[in-house]
Amino acid sequence: MKKTAIIAGLLSGFLFGVATPFSKLLLAHLNSFQLAGLLYLGAGIAMIPSIMKTGGQIKLLFSKSNLVRTSGIILFGGLLGPLLLLVGLRAANAASVSIWLNMELVATAVLGVLFFKDSLDKFTWIGVILTVFAGVATSFGEGVSGLTSALLITAACFCWGIDNHLTALTDGATPQAVTFVKGLMAGIVNLAIGVSISASSIAFNIVAAALIVGGFSYGFSIVLYVISAQNIGATRGQILFATAPLWGVILSYIFFQDSFHWTHVISLLLLILAVVVINMISHKHQHTHEMLEHIHYHKHNDEHHDHSHDDESINPAKGHSHMHTHQSLTHTHPHYPDLHHRHKHE
């Protein structure tokens, strides 16, 4: 699953990276609330085909065990995060904002260690530090207005850091179900606020464009990130997601002819190095897994997934998602803090 998780994380970063320059264009016609609402509605709408097949899993997100997590995902990831981002985006060029977004990685790492049992080895910490340096280097080229934007975007990143861990730990529902609920509820609230404070109507072509960007850059991107985070941990998944600025910067230069600055080159090189470093894992010790029943995307290629299927339509050789049971197991192997390895260390 490591290969699948890495590919999913990189694709997630690509899809989200292209959202920054397109959002900059759309902000010329929409206020921040309107755009945030339409982007998340687009994400929710994109999940409808999948939800029609597994709609019952939405109820699990509001079960007693998941209600607090789901509420936090909607509040921090769907409402506060995108709003702070779009306000910050108005005050700085899109290329720099794309790189500042990697502060989400730092927030995810810090919150993970302090609150979410996310064990980070030396290589992961090196990746986090490299990302911090990338953000600092970028801020030197922006001046005071850039600092204001950086603070707003940093706040957004901490909101998304909370969202990342809550999403990675949400059990019993598919990534599509999580994305649908967050997109629909956050989209409705943000759009309602945006329409109420706007004196003009929104053109149909602008609505359509925002929904399309939201479907791809938020909807499918979130699903891919969840798959990655559930299999290699929220922080490592976030480092892969950190490739988003590579695409955001490139498109920002193409669309806006943003001024080229040497700090962008340094930042991008540091980000590339960070992605390479975190693929070297050194975390290994004996640990015990308690009996567990849950649902997530998996393959039958490790000691944790040796169960059989009553449904003959499921191909165990391919990646799939369904409810399954893990028996108690004690063993030693290199591992990430995925859904199966959120244990405490002596």
C-alpha atoms as a PDB file:
ATOM      1  CA  MET A   1       0.000   0.000   0.000  1.00  0.00           C
ATOM      2  CA  LYS A   2       2.979   2.355   0.371  1.00  0.00           C
ATOM      3  CA  LYS A   3       3.258   2.829  -3.388  1.00  0.00           C
ATOM      4  CA  THR A   4      -0.469   3.479  -3.742  1.00  0.00           C
ATOM      5  CA  ALA A   5      -0.403   5.923  -0.811  1.00  0.00           C
ATOM      6  CA  ILE A   6       2.543   7.841  -2.277  1.00  0.00           C
ATOM      7  CA  ILE A   7       0.927   8.134  -5.715  1.00  0.00           C
ATOM      8  CA  ALA A   8      -2.365   9.221  -4.129  1.00  0.00           C
ATOM      9  CA  GLY A   9      -0.583  11.882  -2.052  1.00  0.00           C
ATOM     10  CA  LEU A  10       1.278  13.287  -5.058  1.00  0.00           C
ATOM     11  CA  LEU A  11      -1.871  13.412  -7.211  1.00  0.00           C
ATOM     12  CA  SER A  12      -3.714  15.096  -4.363  1.00  0.00           C
ATOM     13  CA  GLY A  13      -1.042  17.778  -4.232  1.00  0.00           C
ATOM     14  CA  PHE A  14      -1.213  18.324  -7.986  1.00  0.00           C
ATOM     15  CA  LEU A  15      -4.986  18.765  -8.018  1.00  0.00           C
ATOM     16  CA  PHE A  16      -4.930  21.184  -5.086  1.00  0.00           C
ATOM     17  CA  GLY A  17      -1.963  23.092  -6.486  1.00  0.00           C
ATOM     18  CA  VAL A  18      -3.802  24.075  -9.652  1.00  0.00           C
ATOM     19  CA  ALA A  19      -6.652  25.514  -7.520  1.00  0.00           C
ATOM     20  CA  THR A  20      -4.609  28.514  -6.323  1.00  0.00           C
ATOM     21  CA  PRO A  21      -4.202  30.369  -9.652  1.00  0.00           C
ATOM     22  CA  PHE A  22      -7.751  29.501 -10.722  1.00  0.00           C
ATOM     23  CA  SER A  23      -9.082  30.770  -7.382  1.00  0.00           C
ATOM     24  CA  LYS A  24      -7.156  34.011  -7.916  1.00  0.00           C
ATOM     25  CA  LEU A  25      -8.978  34.465 -11.234  1.00  0.00           C
ATOM     26  CA  LEU A  26     -12.385  33.669  -9.727  1.00  0.00           C
ATOM     27  CA  LEU A  27     -11.877  36.137  -6.851  1.00  0.00           C
ATOM     28  CA  ALA A  28     -12.200  38.930  -9.409  1.00  0.00           C
ATOM     29  CA  HIS A  29     -15.904  38.023  -9.653  1.00  0.00           C
ATOM     30  CA  LEU A  30     -16.710  36.538  -6.231  1.00  0.00           C
ATOM     31  CA  ASN A  31     -16.201  37.421  -2.589  1.00  0.00           C
ATOM     32  CA  SER A  32     -14.242  35.021  -0.384  1.00  0.00           C
ATOM     33  CA  PHE A  33     -17.344  33.418   1.153  1.00  0.00           C
ATOM     34  CA  GLN A  34     -18.974  32.833  -2.233  1.00  0.00           C
ATOM     35  CA  LEU A  35     -15.888  31.207  -3.714  1.00  0.00           C
ATOM     36  CA  ALA A  36     -15.253  29.018  -0.651  1.00  0.00           C
ATOM     37  CA  GLY A  37     -18.872  27.884  -0.761  1.00  0.00           C
ATOM     38  CA  LEU A  38     -18.851  27.056  -4.465  1.00  0.00           C
ATOM     39  CA  LEU A  39     -15.517  25.218  -4.252  1.00  0.00           C
ATOM     40  CA  TYR A  40     -16.776  22.950  -1.482  1.00  0.00           C
ATOM     41  CA  LEU A  41     -20.168  22.447  -3.113  1.00  0.00           C
ATOM     42  CA  GLY A  42     -18.264  21.342  -6.200  1.00  0.00           C
ATOM     43  CA  ALA A  43     -16.323  18.881  -4.042  1.00  0.00           C
ATOM     44  CA  GLY A  44     -19.541  17.469  -2.607  1.00  0.00           C
ATOM     45  CA  ILE A  45     -21.271  17.220  -5.979  1.00  0.00           C
ATOM     46  CA  ALA A  46     -18.302  15.326  -7.442  1.00  0.00           C
ATOM     47  CA  MET A  47     -18.835  12.603  -4.814  1.00  0.00           C
ATOM     48  CA  ILE A  48     -22.508  11.970  -5.645  1.00  0.00           C
ATOM     49  CA  PRO A  49     -21.892   8.958  -7.968  1.00  0.00           C
ATOM     50  CA  SER A  50     -19.919   7.212  -5.220  1.00  0.00           C
ATOM     51  CA  ILE A  51     -22.409   8.177  -2.503  1.00  0.00           C
ATOM     52  CA  MET A  52     -25.265   6.650  -4.496  1.00  0.00           C
ATOM     53  CA  LYS A  53     -23.492   3.297  -4.149  1.00  0.00           C
ATOM     54  CA  THR A  54     -22.481   3.576  -0.468  1.00  0.00           C
ATOM     55  CA  GLY A  55     -24.860   6.200   0.924  1.00  0.00           C
ATOM     56  CA  GLY A  56     -25.430   4.305   4.163  1.00  0.00           C
ATOM     57  CA  GLN A  57     -21.900   5.160   5.295  1.00  0.00           C
ATOM     58  CA  ILE A  58     -22.849   8.825   5.703  1.00  0.00           C
ATOM     59  CA  LYS A  59     -24.832   7.862   8.802  1.00  0.00           C
ATOM     60  CA  LEU A  60     -21.649   6.419  10.316  1.00  0.00           C
ATOM     61  CA  LEU A  61     -20.010   9.849  10.189  1.00  0.00           C
ATOM     62  CA  PHE A  62     -22.646  11.125  12.599  1.00  0.00           C
ATOM     63  CA  SER A  63     -22.525   8.112  14.905  1.00  0.00           C
ATOM     64  CA  LYS A  64     -21.540   8.624  18.542  1.00  0.00           C
ATOM     65  CA  SER A  65     -17.942   7.543  17.915  1.00  0.00           C
ATOM     66  CA  ASN A  66     -17.427   9.874  14.931  1.00  0.00           C
ATOM     67  CA  LEU A  67     -19.657  12.889  15.673  1.00  0.00           C
ATOM     68  CA  VAL A  68     -16.946  15.040  17.284  1.00  0.00           C
ATOM     69  CA  ARG A  69     -14.474  14.223  14.500  1.00  0.00           C
ATOM     70  CA  THR A  70     -17.011  14.951  11.765  1.00  0.00           C
ATOM     71  CA  SER A  71     -17.999  18.260  13.373  1.00  0.00           C
ATOM     72  CA  GLY A  72     -14.335  19.274  13.603  1.00  0.00           C
ATOM     73  CA  ILE A  73     -13.723  18.308   9.977  1.00  0.00           C
ATOM     74  CA  ILE A  74     -16.588  20.521   8.817  1.00  0.00           C
ATOM     75  CA  LEU A  75     -15.703  23.472  11.077  1.00  0.00           C
ATOM     76  CA  PHE A  76     -11.931  23.587  10.653  1.00  0.00           C
ATOM     77  CA  GLY A  77     -11.493  21.992   7.227  1.00  0.00           C
ATOM     78  CA  GLY A  78     -14.618  23.179   5.445  1.00  0.00           C
ATOM     79  CA  LEU A  79     -15.420  26.576   6.981  1.00  0.00           C
ATOM     80  CA  LEU A  80     -12.479  28.322   8.682  1.00  0.00           C
ATOM     81  CA  GLY A  81      -9.583  26.949   6.592  1.00  0.00           C
ATOM     82  CA  PRO A  82     -10.737  27.942   3.099  1.00  0.00           C
ATOM     83  CA  LEU A  83     -12.085  31.300   4.272  1.00  0.00           C
ATOM     84  CA  LEU A  84      -8.754  32.317   5.836  1.00  0.00           C
ATOM     85  CA  LEU A  85      -6.932  31.120   2.715  1.00  0.00           C
ATOM     86  CA  LEU A  86      -9.036  33.155   0.306  1.00  0.00           C
ATOM     87  CA  VAL A  87      -8.760  36.322   2.422  1.00  0.00           C
ATOM     88  CA  GLY A  88      -4.985  35.884   2.455  1.00  0.00           C
ATOM     89  CA  LEU A  89      -4.933  35.201  -1.277  1.00  0.00           C
ATOM     90  CA  ARG A  90      -6.312  38.685  -2.004  1.00  0.00           C
ATOM     91  CA  ALA A  91      -3.269  40.387  -0.462  1.00  0.00           C
ATOM     92  CA  ALA A  92      -0.370  38.493  -2.079  1.00  0.00           C
ATOM     93  CA  ASN A  93       0.598  36.968  -5.402  1.00  0.00           C
ATOM     94  CA  ALA A  94      -0.633  33.452  -6.109  1.00  0.00           C
ATOM     95  CA  ALA A  95       2.836  31.933  -6.449  1.00  0.00           C
ATOM     96  CA  SER A  96       3.892  32.880  -2.921  1.00  0.00           C
ATOM     97  CA  VAL A  97       0.550  31.796  -1.459  1.00  0.00           C
ATOM     98  CA  SER A  98       1.032  28.412  -3.102  1.00  0.00           C
ATOM     99  CA  ILE A  99       4.297  27.924  -1.214  1.00  0.00           C
ATOM    100  CA  TRP A 100       3.003  29.308   2.108  1.00  0.00           C
ATOM    101  CA  LEU A 101       0.331  26.638   2.002  1.00  0.00           C
ATOM    102  CA  ASN A 102       2.997  24.150   3.019  1.00  0.00           C
ATOM    103  CA  MET A 103       2.772  25.535   6.543  1.00  0.00           C
ATOM    104  CA  GLU A 104      -0.107  23.056   6.671  1.00  0.00           C
ATOM    105  CA  LEU A 105       2.558  20.364   6.885  1.00  0.00           C
ATOM    106  CA  VAL A 106       4.165  22.031   9.904  1.00  0.00           C
ATOM    107  CA  ALA A 107       0.791  22.420  11.589  1.00  0.00           C
ATOM    108  CA  THR A 108      -0.063  18.786  10.883  1.00  0.00           C
ATOM    109  CA  ALA A 109       3.266  17.586  12.314  1.00  0.00           C
ATOM    110  CA  VAL A 110       3.086  19.693  15.482  1.00  0.00           C
ATOM    111  CA  LEU A 111      -0.551  18.853  16.175  1.00  0.00           C
ATOM    112  CA  GLY A 112       0.116  15.191  15.419  1.00  0.00           C
ATOM    113  CA  VAL A 113       2.911  14.876  17.963  1.00  0.00           C
ATOM    114  CA  LEU A 114       1.096  16.881  20.638  1.00  0.00           C
ATOM    115  CA  PHE A 115      -2.429  15.508  20.318  1.00  0.00           C
ATOM    116  CA  PHE A 116      -2.878  12.697  17.759  1.00  0.00           C
ATOM    117  CA  LYS A 117      -0.234  10.031  18.543  1.00  0.00           C
ATOM    118  CA  ASP A 118       1.541  10.634  15.236  1.00  0.00           C
ATOM    119  CA  SER A 119       5.054   9.162  15.685  1.00  0.00           C
ATOM    120  CA  LEU A 120       7.615  10.942  13.512  1.00  0.00           C
ATOM    121  CA  ASP A 121      11.048   9.522  12.768  1.00  0.00           C
ATOM    122  CA  LYS A 122      14.175  11.570  12.038  1.00  0.00           C
ATOM    123  CA  PHE A 123      13.580  11.629   8.289  1.00  0.00           C
ATOM    124  CA  THR A 124      10.077  13.007   8.694  1.00  0.00           C
ATOM    125  CA  TRP A 125      11.311  15.755  11.014  1.00  0.00           C
ATOM    126  CA  ILE A 126      13.961  16.670   8.438  1.00  0.00           C
ATOM    127  CA  GLY A 127      11.184  16.940   5.853  1.00  0.00           C
ATOM    128  CA  VAL A 128       9.161  19.203   8.154  1.00  0.00           C
ATOM    129  CA  ILE A 129      12.168  21.462   8.826  1.00  0.00           C
ATOM    130  CA  LEU A 130      12.931  21.761   5.108  1.00  0.00           C
ATOM    131  CA  THR A 131       9.338  22.837   4.502  1.00  0.00           C
ATOM    132  CA  VAL A 132       9.567  25.499   7.226  1.00  0.00           C
ATOM    133  CA  PHE A 133      12.700  26.910   5.575  1.00  0.00           C
ATOM    134  CA  ALA A 134      10.888  26.952   2.229  1.00  0.00           C
ATOM    135  CA  GLY A 135       8.115  29.105   3.690  1.00  0.00           C
ATOM    136  CA  VAL A 136      10.564  31.473   5.398  1.00  0.00           C
ATOM    137  CA  ALA A 137      12.558  31.934   2.195  1.00  0.00           C
ATOM    138  CA  THR A 138       9.408  32.863   0.283  1.00  0.00           C
ATOM    139  CA  SER A 139       8.317  35.506   2.806  1.00  0.00           C
ATOM    140  CA  PHE A 140      11.511  37.523   2.203  1.00  0.00           C
ATOM    141  CA  GLY A 141      10.314  38.497  -1.258  1.00  0.00           C
ATOM    142  CA  GLU A 142       6.891  39.826  -0.252  1.00  0.00           C
ATOM    143  CA  GLY A 143       7.306  42.656   2.249  1.00  0.00           C
ATOM    144  CA  VAL A 144       4.673  43.754   4.817  1.00  0.00           C
ATOM    145  CA  SER A 145       1.613  42.804   2.779  1.00  0.00           C
ATOM    146  CA  GLY A 146       3.155  39.403   2.305  1.00  0.00           C
ATOM    147  CA  LEU A 147       3.536  39.035   6.071  1.00  0.00           C
ATOM    148  CA  THR A 148      -0.174  39.743   6.602  1.00  0.00           C
ATOM    149  CA  SER A 149      -1.088  37.128   4.038  1.00  0.00           C
ATOM    150  CA  ALA A 150       1.386  34.691   5.546  1.00  0.00           C
ATOM    151  CA  LEU A 151      -0.270  35.025   8.975  1.00  0.00           C
ATOM    152  CA  LEU A 152      -3.753  34.468   7.538  1.00  0.00           C
ATOM    153  CA  ILE A 153      -2.606  31.458   5.540  1.00  0.00           C
ATOM    154  CA  THR A 154      -0.735  30.043   8.542  1.00  0.00           C
ATOM    155  CA  ALA A 155      -3.977  30.222  10.521  1.00  0.00           C
ATOM    156  CA  ALA A 156      -5.742  28.429   7.670  1.00  0.00           C
ATOM    157  CA  CYS A 157      -3.037  25.760   7.683  1.00  0.00           C
ATOM    158  CA  PHE A 158      -3.516  25.047  11.387  1.00  0.00           C
ATOM    159  CA  CYS A 159      -7.235  24.654  10.737  1.00  0.00           C
ATOM    160  CA  TRP A 160      -6.439  22.156   8.001  1.00  0.00           C
ATOM    161  CA  GLY A 161      -3.897  20.445  10.242  1.00  0.00           C
ATOM    162  CA  ILE A 162      -6.692  19.647  12.698  1.00  0.00           C
ATOM    163  CA  ASP A 163      -8.877  18.565   9.786  1.00  0.00           C
ATOM    164  CA  ASN A 164      -6.111  16.272   8.449  1.00  0.00           C
ATOM    165  CA  HIS A 165      -5.769  14.299  11.666  1.00  0.00           C
ATOM    166  CA  LEU A 166      -9.496  14.065  12.311  1.00  0.00           C
ATOM    167  CA  THR A 167     -10.034  12.847   8.744  1.00  0.00           C
ATOM    168  CA  ALA A 168      -7.216  10.285   8.937  1.00  0.00           C
ATOM    169  CA  LEU A 169      -8.715   8.875  12.147  1.00  0.00           C
ATOM    170  CA  THR A 170     -12.335   8.785  10.994  1.00  0.00           C
ATOM    171  CA  ASP A 171     -13.342   5.136  10.944  1.00  0.00           C
ATOM    172  CA  GLY A 172     -16.305   3.396   9.359  1.00  0.00           C
ATOM    173  CA  ALA A 173     -16.783   5.615   6.284  1.00  0.00           C
ATOM    174  CA  THR A 174     -15.098   5.977   2.906  1.00  0.00           C
ATOM    175  CA  PRO A 175     -13.070   9.069   1.916  1.00  0.00           C
ATOM    176  CA  GLN A 176     -15.850   9.879  -0.563  1.00  0.00           C
ATOM    177  CA  ALA A 177     -18.436   9.983   2.235  1.00  0.00           C
ATOM    178  CA  VAL A 178     -16.232  12.278   4.329  1.00  0.00           C
ATOM    179  CA  THR A 179     -15.674  14.597   1.361  1.00  0.00           C
ATOM    180  CA  PHE A 180     -19.374  14.666   0.470  1.00  0.00           C
ATOM    181  CA  VAL A 181     -20.485  15.651   3.973  1.00  0.00           C
ATOM    182  CA  LYS A 182     -17.763  18.267   4.431  1.00  0.00           C
ATOM    183  CA  GLY A 183     -18.282  19.714   0.958  1.00  0.00           C
ATOM    184  CA  LEU A 184     -22.052  19.922   1.181  1.00  0.00           C
ATOM    185  CA  MET A 185     -22.321  21.421   4.668  1.00  0.00           C
ATOM    186  CA  ALA A 186     -19.357  23.800   4.408  1.00  0.00           C
ATOM    187  CA  GLY A 187     -20.402  24.809   0.915  1.00  0.00           C
ATOM    188  CA  ILE A 188     -23.960  25.724   1.885  1.00  0.00           C
ATOM    189  CA  VAL A 189     -22.910  27.777   4.925  1.00  0.00           C
ATOM    190  CA  ASN A 190     -20.136  29.702   3.142  1.00  0.00           C
ATOM    191  CA  LEU A 191     -22.239  30.364   0.039  1.00  0.00           C
ATOM    192  CA  ALA A 192     -25.212  31.570   2.096  1.00  0.00           C
ATOM    193  CA  ILE A 193     -22.985  34.057   3.932  1.00  0.00           C
ATOM    194  CA  GLY A 194     -21.353  35.174   0.689  1.00  0.00           C
ATOM    195  CA  VAL A 195     -24.660  35.781  -1.095  1.00  0.00           C
ATOM    196  CA  SER A 196     -26.116  37.674   1.884  1.00  0.00           C
ATOM    197  CA  ILE A 197     -23.262  40.202   1.941  1.00  0.00           C
ATOM    198  CA  SER A 198     -23.013  40.659  -1.831  1.00  0.00           C
ATOM    199  CA  ALA A 199     -24.986  43.304  -3.687  1.00  0.00           C
ATOM    200  CA  SER A 200     -24.678  41.640  -7.096  1.00  0.00           C
ATOM    201  CA  SER A 201     -25.692  38.295  -8.550  1.00  0.00           C
ATOM    202  CA  ILE A 202     -23.236  35.659  -9.747  1.00  0.00           C
ATOM    203  CA  ALA A 203     -22.959  34.912 -13.465  1.00  0.00           C
ATOM    204  CA  PHE A 204     -23.739  31.314 -14.443  1.00  0.00           C
ATOM    205  CA  ASN A 205     -20.374  30.761 -16.142  1.00  0.00           C
ATOM    206  CA  ILE A 206     -18.561  31.854 -12.948  1.00  0.00           C
ATOM    207  CA  VAL A 207     -20.646  29.447 -10.849  1.00  0.00           C
ATOM    208  CA  ALA A 208     -19.947  26.609 -13.265  1.00  0.00           C
ATOM    209  CA  ALA A 209     -16.206  27.343 -13.308  1.00  0.00           C
ATOM    210  CA  ALA A 210     -15.999  27.447  -9.499  1.00  0.00           C
ATOM    211  CA  LEU A 211     -17.917  24.157  -9.163  1.00  0.00           C
ATOM    212  CA  ILE A 212     -15.600  22.453 -11.655  1.00  0.00           C
ATOM    213  CA  VAL A 213     -12.476  23.696  -9.859  1.00  0.00           C
ATOM    214  CA  GLY A 214     -13.993  22.573  -6.556  1.00  0.00           C
ATOM    215  CA  GLY A 215     -14.857  19.128  -7.884  1.00  0.00           C
ATOM    216  CA  PHE A 216     -11.331  18.389  -9.029  1.00  0.00           C
ATOM    217  CA  SER A 217      -9.064  20.511  -6.820  1.00  0.00           C
ATOM    218  CA  TYR A 218     -11.006  19.997  -3.597  1.00  0.00           C
ATOM    219  CA  GLY A 219     -13.210  16.928  -4.096  1.00  0.00           C
ATOM    220  CA  PHE A 220     -10.914  14.414  -5.762  1.00  0.00           C
ATOM    221  CA  SER A 221      -7.883  15.950  -4.058  1.00  0.00           C
ATOM    222  CA  ILE A 222      -9.392  15.371  -0.596  1.00  0.00           C
ATOM    223  CA  VAL A 223     -10.274  11.756  -1.409  1.00  0.00           C
ATOM    224  CA  LEU A 224      -6.743  11.034  -2.604  1.00  0.00           C
ATOM    225  CA  TYR A 225      -5.242  12.703   0.462  1.00  0.00           C
ATOM    226  CA  VAL A 226      -7.420  10.628   2.814  1.00  0.00           C
ATOM    227  CA  ILE A 227      -6.299   7.418   1.090  1.00  0.00           C
ATOM    228  CA  SER A 228      -2.684   8.515   1.520  1.00  0.00           C
ATOM    229  CA  ALA A 229      -3.049   9.689   5.141  1.00  0.00           C
ATOM    230  CA  GLN A 230      -4.869   6.555   6.278  1.00  0.00           C
ATOM    231  CA  ASN A 231      -2.035   4.402   4.963  1.00  0.00           C
ATOM    232  CA  ILE A 232       1.127   6.345   5.828  1.00  0.00           C
ATOM    233  CA  GLY A 233      -0.087   8.846   8.443  1.00  0.00           C
ATOM    234  CA  ALA A 234      -1.377  12.412   8.236  1.00  0.00           C
ATOM    235  CA  THR A 235       2.030  14.119   8.438  1.00  0.00           C
ATOM    236  CA  ARG A 236       3.745  11.987   5.785  1.00  0.00           C
ATOM    237  CA  GLY A 237       0.697  12.251   3.564  1.00  0.00           C
ATOM    238  CA  GLN A 238       0.881  16.011   4.024  1.00  0.00           C
ATOM    239  CA  ILE A 239       4.519  16.106   2.899  1.00  0.00           C
ATOM    240  CA  LEU A 240       3.514  14.390  -0.344  1.00  0.00           C
ATOM    241  CA  PHE A 241       0.617  16.824  -0.620  1.00  0.00           C
ATOM    242  CA  ALA A 242       3.238  19.573  -0.236  1.00  0.00           C
ATOM    243  CA  THR A 243       4.114  19.179  -3.929  1.00  0.00           C
ATOM    244  CA  ALA A 244       1.029  21.379  -4.560  1.00  0.00           C
ATOM    245  CA  PRO A 245       3.115  24.592  -4.718  1.00  0.00           C
ATOM    246  CA  LEU A 246       5.208  23.193  -7.569  1.00  0.00           C
ATOM    247  CA  TRP A 247       2.121  23.261  -9.770  1.00  0.00           C
ATOM    248  CA  GLY A 248       0.652  26.400  -8.229  1.00  0.00           C
ATOM    249  CA  VAL A 249       3.803  28.412  -8.880  1.00  0.00           C
ATOM    250  CA  ILE A 250       4.120  27.214 -12.476  1.00  0.00           C
ATOM    251  CA  LEU A 251       0.514  28.080 -13.323  1.00  0.00           C
ATOM    252  CA  SER A 252       0.719  31.400 -11.464  1.00  0.00           C
ATOM    253  CA  TYR A 253       3.581  32.495 -13.693  1.00  0.00           C
ATOM    254  CA  ILE A 254       1.641  31.381 -16.773  1.00  0.00           C
ATOM    255  CA  PHE A 255      -1.685  33.029 -15.860  1.00  0.00           C
ATOM    256  CA  PHE A 256      -0.598  36.176 -13.995  1.00  0.00           C
ATOM    257  CA  GLN A 257       2.993  36.712 -15.158  1.00  0.00           C
ATOM    258  CA  ASP A 258       3.860  37.018 -11.447  1.00  0.00           C
ATOM    259  CA  SER A 259       7.315  38.487 -10.966  1.00  0.00           C
ATOM    260  CA  PHE A 260      10.026  35.843 -10.785  1.00  0.00           C
ATOM    261  CA  HIS A 261      11.977  35.864  -7.526  1.00  0.00           C
ATOM    262  CA  TRP A 262      15.051  33.864  -6.554  1.00  0.00           C
ATOM    263  CA  THR A 263      13.381  32.867  -3.264  1.00  0.00           C
ATOM    264  CA  HIS A 264      10.856  30.780  -5.202  1.00  0.00           C
ATOM    265  CA  VAL A 265      13.652  28.665  -6.671  1.00  0.00           C
ATOM    266  CA  ILE A 266      15.160  28.010  -3.236  1.00  0.00           C
ATOM    267  CA  SER A 267      11.743  27.185  -1.794  1.00  0.00           C
ATOM    268  CA  LEU A 268      10.881  24.718  -4.519  1.00  0.00           C
ATOM    269  CA  LEU A 269      14.242  22.949  -4.239  1.00  0.00           C
ATOM    270  CA  LEU A 270      13.738  22.584  -0.479  1.00  0.00           C
ATOM    271  CA  LEU A 271      10.251  21.150  -1.026  1.00  0.00           C
ATOM    272  CA  ILE A 272      11.508  18.608  -3.548  1.00  0.00           C
ATOM    273  CA  LEU A 273      14.216  17.505  -1.094  1.00  0.00           C
ATOM    274  CA  ALA A 274      11.615  17.202   1.697  1.00  0.00           C
ATOM    275  CA  VAL A 275       9.450  14.864  -0.393  1.00  0.00           C
ATOM    276  CA  VAL A 276      12.476  12.657  -1.143  1.00  0.00           C
ATOM    277  CA  VAL A 277      13.606  12.503   2.483  1.00  0.00           C
ATOM    278  CA  ILE A 278      10.303  11.368   4.003  1.00  0.00           C
ATOM    279  CA  ASN A 279      10.239   8.253   1.851  1.00  0.00           C
ATOM    280  CA  MET A 280      13.070   6.858   4.004  1.00  0.00           C
ATOM    281  CA  ILE A 281      11.442   5.239   7.060  1.00  0.00           C
ATOM    282  CA  SER A 282      13.366   4.289  10.216  1.00  0.00           C
ATOM    283  CA  HIS A 283      10.537   3.768  12.741  1.00  0.00           C
ATOM    284  CA  LYS A 284      10.576   0.092  13.888  1.00  0.00           C
ATOM    285  CA  HIS A 285       9.746  -1.650  17.186  1.00  0.00           C
ATOM    286  CA  GLN A 286       7.597  -4.441  18.612  1.00  0.00           C
ATOM    287  CA  HIS A 287       3.973  -3.406  18.958  1.00  0.00           C
ATOM    288  CA  THR A 288       0.596  -4.993  19.627  1.00  0.00           C
ATOM    289  CA  HIS A 289      -2.623  -4.535  17.664  1.00  0.00           C
ATOM    290  CA  GLU A 290      -5.893  -4.988  19.503  1.00  0.00           C
ATOM    291  CA  MET A 291      -8.869  -6.541  17.727  1.00  0.00           C
ATOM    292  CA  LEU A 292     -10.443  -3.903  15.454  1.00  0.00           C
ATOM    293  CA  GLU A 293     -13.318  -3.651  12.968  1.00  0.00           C
ATOM    294  CA  HIS A 294     -13.340  -0.761  10.504  1.00  0.00           C
ATOM    295  CA  ILE A 295     -13.469   0.284   6.840  1.00  0.00           C
ATOM    296  CA  HIS A 296     -10.752   1.805   4.686  1.00  0.00           C
ATOM    297  CA  TYR A 297      -8.980   1.380   1.345  1.00  0.00           C
ATOM    298  CA  HIS A 298      -6.544  -1.580   1.486  1.00  0.00           C
ATOM    299  CA  LYS A 299      -4.909  -4.487  -0.334  1.00  0.00           C
ATOM    300  CA  HIS A 300      -4.180  -8.030   0.815  1.00  0.00           C
ATOM    301  CA  ASN A 301      -0.421  -7.609   0.749  1.00  0.00           C
ATOM    302  CA  ASP A 302       0.494  -7.312   4.452  1.00  0.00           C
ATOM    303  CA  GLU A 303      -0.042  -9.062   7.786  1.00  0.00           C
ATOM    304  CA  HIS A 304      -2.982  -6.822   8.644  1.00  0.00           C
ATOM    305  CA  HIS A 305      -5.231  -7.814   5.749  1.00  0.00           C
ATOM    306  CA  ASP A 306      -5.453 -11.597   5.497  1.00  0.00           C
ATOM    307  CA  HIS A 307      -9.243 -11.781   5.813  1.00  0.00           C
ATOM    308  CA  SER A 308     -11.524 -13.519   3.316  1.00  0.00           C
ATOM    309  CA  HIS A 309     -14.530 -12.058   1.482  1.00  0.00           C
ATOM    310  CA  ASP A 310     -18.103 -13.288   1.479  1.00  0.00           C
ATOM    311  CA  ASP A 311     -18.745 -11.030  -1.500  1.00  0.00           C
ATOM    312  CA  GLU A 312     -17.276 -12.853  -4.494  1.00  0.00           C
ATOM    313  CA  SER A 313     -17.365  -9.654  -6.563  1.00  0.00           C
ATOM    314  CA  ILE A 314     -14.448  -8.246  -4.517  1.00  0.00           C
ATOM    315  CA  ASN A 315     -11.051  -8.990  -6.024  1.00  0.00           C
ATOM    316  CA  PRO A 316      -8.532  -9.394  -3.149  1.00  0.00           C
ATOM    317  CA  ALA A 317      -5.637  -8.732  -5.539  1.00  0.00           C
ATOM    318  CA  LYS A 318      -6.807  -5.159  -6.152  1.00  0.00           C
ATOM    319  CA  GLY A 319      -7.248  -2.234  -3.810  1.00  0.00           C
ATOM    320  CA  HIS A 320     -10.749  -2.058  -2.346  1.00  0.00           C
ATOM    321  CA  SER A 321     -12.747  -0.695   0.585  1.00  0.00           C
ATOM    322  CA  HIS A 322     -15.184  -2.560   2.856  1.00  0.00           C
ATOM    323  CA  MET A 323     -15.861  -3.340   6.503  1.00  0.00           C
ATOM    324  CA  HIS A 324     -13.368  -5.912   7.823  1.00  0.00           C
ATOM    325  CA  THR A 325     -12.038  -7.264  11.120  1.00  0.00           C
ATOM    326  CA  HIS A 326      -8.440  -7.355  12.363  1.00  0.00           C
ATOM    327  CA  GLN A 327      -7.509  -9.996  14.911  1.00  0.00           C
ATOM    328  CA  SER A 328      -5.121  -9.255  17.779  1.00  0.00           C
ATOM    329  CA  LEU A 329      -1.495  -9.356  16.608  1.00  0.00           C
ATOM    330  CA  THR A 330       1.977  -8.646  18.038  1.00  0.00           C
ATOM    331  CA  HIS A 331       4.915  -8.178  15.678  1.00  0.00           C
ATOM    332  CA  THR A 332       7.881  -6.003  14.661  1.00  0.00           C
ATOM    333  CA  HIS A 333       8.305  -4.189  11.341  1.00  0.00           C
ATOM    334  CA  PRO A 334       9.017  -0.699   9.965  1.00  0.00           C
ATOM    335  CA  HIS A 335       5.732   1.195   9.932  1.00  0.00           C
ATOM    336  CA  TYR A 336       3.971   4.502   9.481  1.00  0.00           C
ATOM    337  CA  PRO A 337       1.358   5.929  11.888  1.00  0.00           C
ATOM    338  CA  ASP A 338      -1.522   4.774   9.700  1.00  0.00           C
ATOM    339  CA  LEU A 339      -4.944   3.611  10.882  1.00  0.00           C
ATOM    340  CA  HIS A 340      -3.327   0.448  12.295  1.00  0.00           C
ATOM    341  CA  HIS A 341      -0.362   2.059  14.033  1.00  0.00           C
ATOM    342  CA  ARG A 342      -1.609   4.894  16.257  1.00  0.00           C
ATOM    343  CA  HIS A 343      -0.145   3.248  19.332  1.00  0.00           C
ATOM    344  CA  LYS A 344       1.722   4.750  22.251  1.00  0.00           C
ATOM    345  CA  HIS A 345       5.469   4.191  22.702  1.00  0.00           C
ATOM    346  CA  GLU A 346       7.139   3.229  25.932  1.00  0.00           C
END
